[in-house]
């Protein structure tokens, strides 16, 4: 995941798909198309915490074609990339 510090941007690539996000911004680009990270909650944004870039996992994973699951009993997230 390249991080572009001067732009405060992070890019994630997978199988020809590109997700670009900007620190503190609630919009991102998925393959060049602008999308809200969370249309219902504008506070969901990428942040820098203790010198680490934190990205909204569900948005990034689903934008790359992954399935995101939540097991409330285990308090566990699973990310699965479907095989073709």
C-alpha atoms as a PDB file:
ATOM      1  CA  UNK A   1       0.000   0.000   0.000  1.00  0.00           C
ATOM      2  CA  UNK A   2       1.834   3.093  -1.132  1.00  0.00           C
ATOM      3  CA  UNK A   3       1.308   6.176   0.988  1.00  0.00           C
ATOM      4  CA  UNK A   4       1.784   9.565  -0.596  1.00  0.00           C
ATOM      5  CA  UNK A   5       2.675  11.797   2.368  1.00  0.00           C
ATOM      6  CA  UNK A   6       2.543  15.116   0.539  1.00  0.00           C
ATOM      7  CA  UNK A   7      -1.015  14.373  -0.632  1.00  0.00           C
ATOM      8  CA  UNK A   8      -2.008  12.613   2.623  1.00  0.00           C
ATOM      9  CA  UNK A   9      -3.227   9.821   0.355  1.00  0.00           C
ATOM     10  CA  UNK A  10      -3.047   6.041   0.553  1.00  0.00           C
ATOM     11  CA  UNK A  11      -3.585   3.697  -2.394  1.00  0.00           C
ATOM     12  CA  UNK A  12      -4.530   0.026  -2.246  1.00  0.00           C
ATOM     13  CA  UNK A  13      -4.235  -2.220  -5.315  1.00  0.00           C
ATOM     14  CA  UNK A  14      -5.618  -5.710  -5.957  1.00  0.00           C
ATOM     15  CA  UNK A  15      -6.153  -7.524  -9.264  1.00  0.00           C
ATOM     16  CA  UNK A  16      -6.335  -4.346 -11.336  1.00  0.00           C
ATOM     17  CA  UNK A  17      -8.580  -2.500  -8.879  1.00  0.00           C
ATOM     18  CA  UNK A  18      -7.346   0.697  -7.226  1.00  0.00           C
ATOM     19  CA  UNK A  19      -8.729   2.371  -4.105  1.00  0.00           C
ATOM     20  CA  UNK A  20      -7.371   5.842  -3.266  1.00  0.00           C
ATOM     21  CA  UNK A  21      -8.242   7.437   0.083  1.00  0.00           C
ATOM     22  CA  UNK A  22      -7.193  10.709   1.690  1.00  0.00           C
ATOM     23  CA  UNK A  23      -6.586  11.263   5.391  1.00  0.00           C
ATOM     24  CA  UNK A  24      -9.577  12.971   7.004  1.00  0.00           C
ATOM     25  CA  UNK A  25     -11.725  12.806   3.851  1.00  0.00           C
ATOM     26  CA  UNK A  26     -15.027  10.915   3.688  1.00  0.00           C
ATOM     27  CA  UNK A  27     -14.777  10.449  -0.087  1.00  0.00           C
ATOM     28  CA  UNK A  28     -12.462   8.108  -1.952  1.00  0.00           C
ATOM     29  CA  UNK A  29     -11.805   7.015  -5.514  1.00  0.00           C
ATOM     30  CA  UNK A  30     -12.412   3.471  -6.661  1.00  0.00           C
ATOM     31  CA  UNK A  31     -10.918   2.944 -10.113  1.00  0.00           C
ATOM     32  CA  UNK A  32     -11.215   6.698 -10.633  1.00  0.00           C
ATOM     33  CA  UNK A  33     -14.864   6.960  -9.550  1.00  0.00           C
ATOM     34  CA  UNK A  34     -15.580   9.140  -6.505  1.00  0.00           C
ATOM     35  CA  UNK A  35     -17.525   7.365  -3.739  1.00  0.00           C
ATOM     36  CA  UNK A  36     -18.460   8.114  -0.160  1.00  0.00           C
ATOM     37  CA  UNK A  37     -16.640   5.894   2.319  1.00  0.00           C
ATOM     38  CA  UNK A  38     -19.844   5.736   4.391  1.00  0.00           C
ATOM     39  CA  UNK A  39     -22.810   7.662   3.000  1.00  0.00           C
ATOM     40  CA  UNK A  40     -24.586   7.510   6.368  1.00  0.00           C
ATOM     41  CA  UNK A  41     -21.672   8.536   8.590  1.00  0.00           C
ATOM     42  CA  UNK A  42     -19.315  11.276   7.364  1.00  0.00           C
ATOM     43  CA  UNK A  43     -17.073  10.680  10.402  1.00  0.00           C
ATOM     44  CA  UNK A  44     -15.799   7.404   8.892  1.00  0.00           C
ATOM     45  CA  UNK A  45     -12.507   8.593   7.412  1.00  0.00           C
ATOM     46  CA  UNK A  46      -8.921   7.369   7.115  1.00  0.00           C
ATOM     47  CA  UNK A  47      -6.754   8.619   9.982  1.00  0.00           C
ATOM     48  CA  UNK A  48      -3.166   8.588  11.139  1.00  0.00           C
ATOM     49  CA  UNK A  49      -2.808   7.154  14.652  1.00  0.00           C
ATOM     50  CA  UNK A  50       0.596   6.785  16.317  1.00  0.00           C
ATOM     51  CA  UNK A  51       2.313   7.249  12.931  1.00  0.00           C
ATOM     52  CA  UNK A  52       0.209   4.502  11.338  1.00  0.00           C
ATOM     53  CA  UNK A  53      -2.316   4.991   8.574  1.00  0.00           C
ATOM     54  CA  UNK A  54      -5.691   3.473   9.496  1.00  0.00           C
ATOM     55  CA  UNK A  55      -8.152   2.822   6.677  1.00  0.00           C
ATOM     56  CA  UNK A  56     -11.850   1.918   6.862  1.00  0.00           C
ATOM     57  CA  UNK A  57     -11.567  -1.850   6.363  1.00  0.00           C
ATOM     58  CA  UNK A  58     -15.081  -2.577   5.142  1.00  0.00           C
ATOM     59  CA  UNK A  59     -15.013   0.136   2.477  1.00  0.00           C
ATOM     60  CA  UNK A  60     -11.559  -0.772   1.166  1.00  0.00           C
ATOM     61  CA  UNK A  61     -12.148  -4.532   1.201  1.00  0.00           C
ATOM     62  CA  UNK A  62     -15.562  -4.367  -0.479  1.00  0.00           C
ATOM     63  CA  UNK A  63     -14.247  -1.883  -3.070  1.00  0.00           C
ATOM     64  CA  UNK A  64     -11.601  -4.457  -3.982  1.00  0.00           C
ATOM     65  CA  UNK A  65     -14.253  -7.161  -4.440  1.00  0.00           C
ATOM     66  CA  UNK A  66     -13.840  -8.881  -1.085  1.00  0.00           C
ATOM     67  CA  UNK A  67     -16.603 -10.129   1.178  1.00  0.00           C
ATOM     68  CA  UNK A  68     -16.570  -8.788   4.740  1.00  0.00           C
ATOM     69  CA  UNK A  69     -18.228 -10.761   7.505  1.00  0.00           C
ATOM     70  CA  UNK A  70     -18.830 -10.106  11.195  1.00  0.00           C
ATOM     71  CA  UNK A  71     -19.220 -12.786  13.872  1.00  0.00           C
ATOM     72  CA  UNK A  72     -20.751 -11.019  16.863  1.00  0.00           C
ATOM     73  CA  UNK A  73     -20.268 -14.013  19.160  1.00  0.00           C
ATOM     74  CA  UNK A  74     -16.519 -14.061  18.519  1.00  0.00           C
ATOM     75  CA  UNK A  75     -16.230 -10.295  17.928  1.00  0.00           C
ATOM     76  CA  UNK A  76     -14.327 -11.241  14.760  1.00  0.00           C
ATOM     77  CA  UNK A  77     -14.127  -9.783  11.272  1.00  0.00           C
ATOM     78  CA  UNK A  78     -13.354 -11.981   8.279  1.00  0.00           C
ATOM     79  CA  UNK A  79     -12.298 -10.721   4.877  1.00  0.00           C
ATOM     80  CA  UNK A  80     -12.552 -13.188   2.005  1.00  0.00           C
ATOM     81  CA  UNK A  81     -11.470 -12.665  -1.562  1.00  0.00           C
ATOM     82  CA  UNK A  82     -13.615 -14.833  -3.818  1.00  0.00           C
ATOM     83  CA  UNK A  83     -11.691 -17.237  -5.999  1.00  0.00           C
ATOM     84  CA  UNK A  84     -12.448 -17.079  -9.701  1.00  0.00           C
END
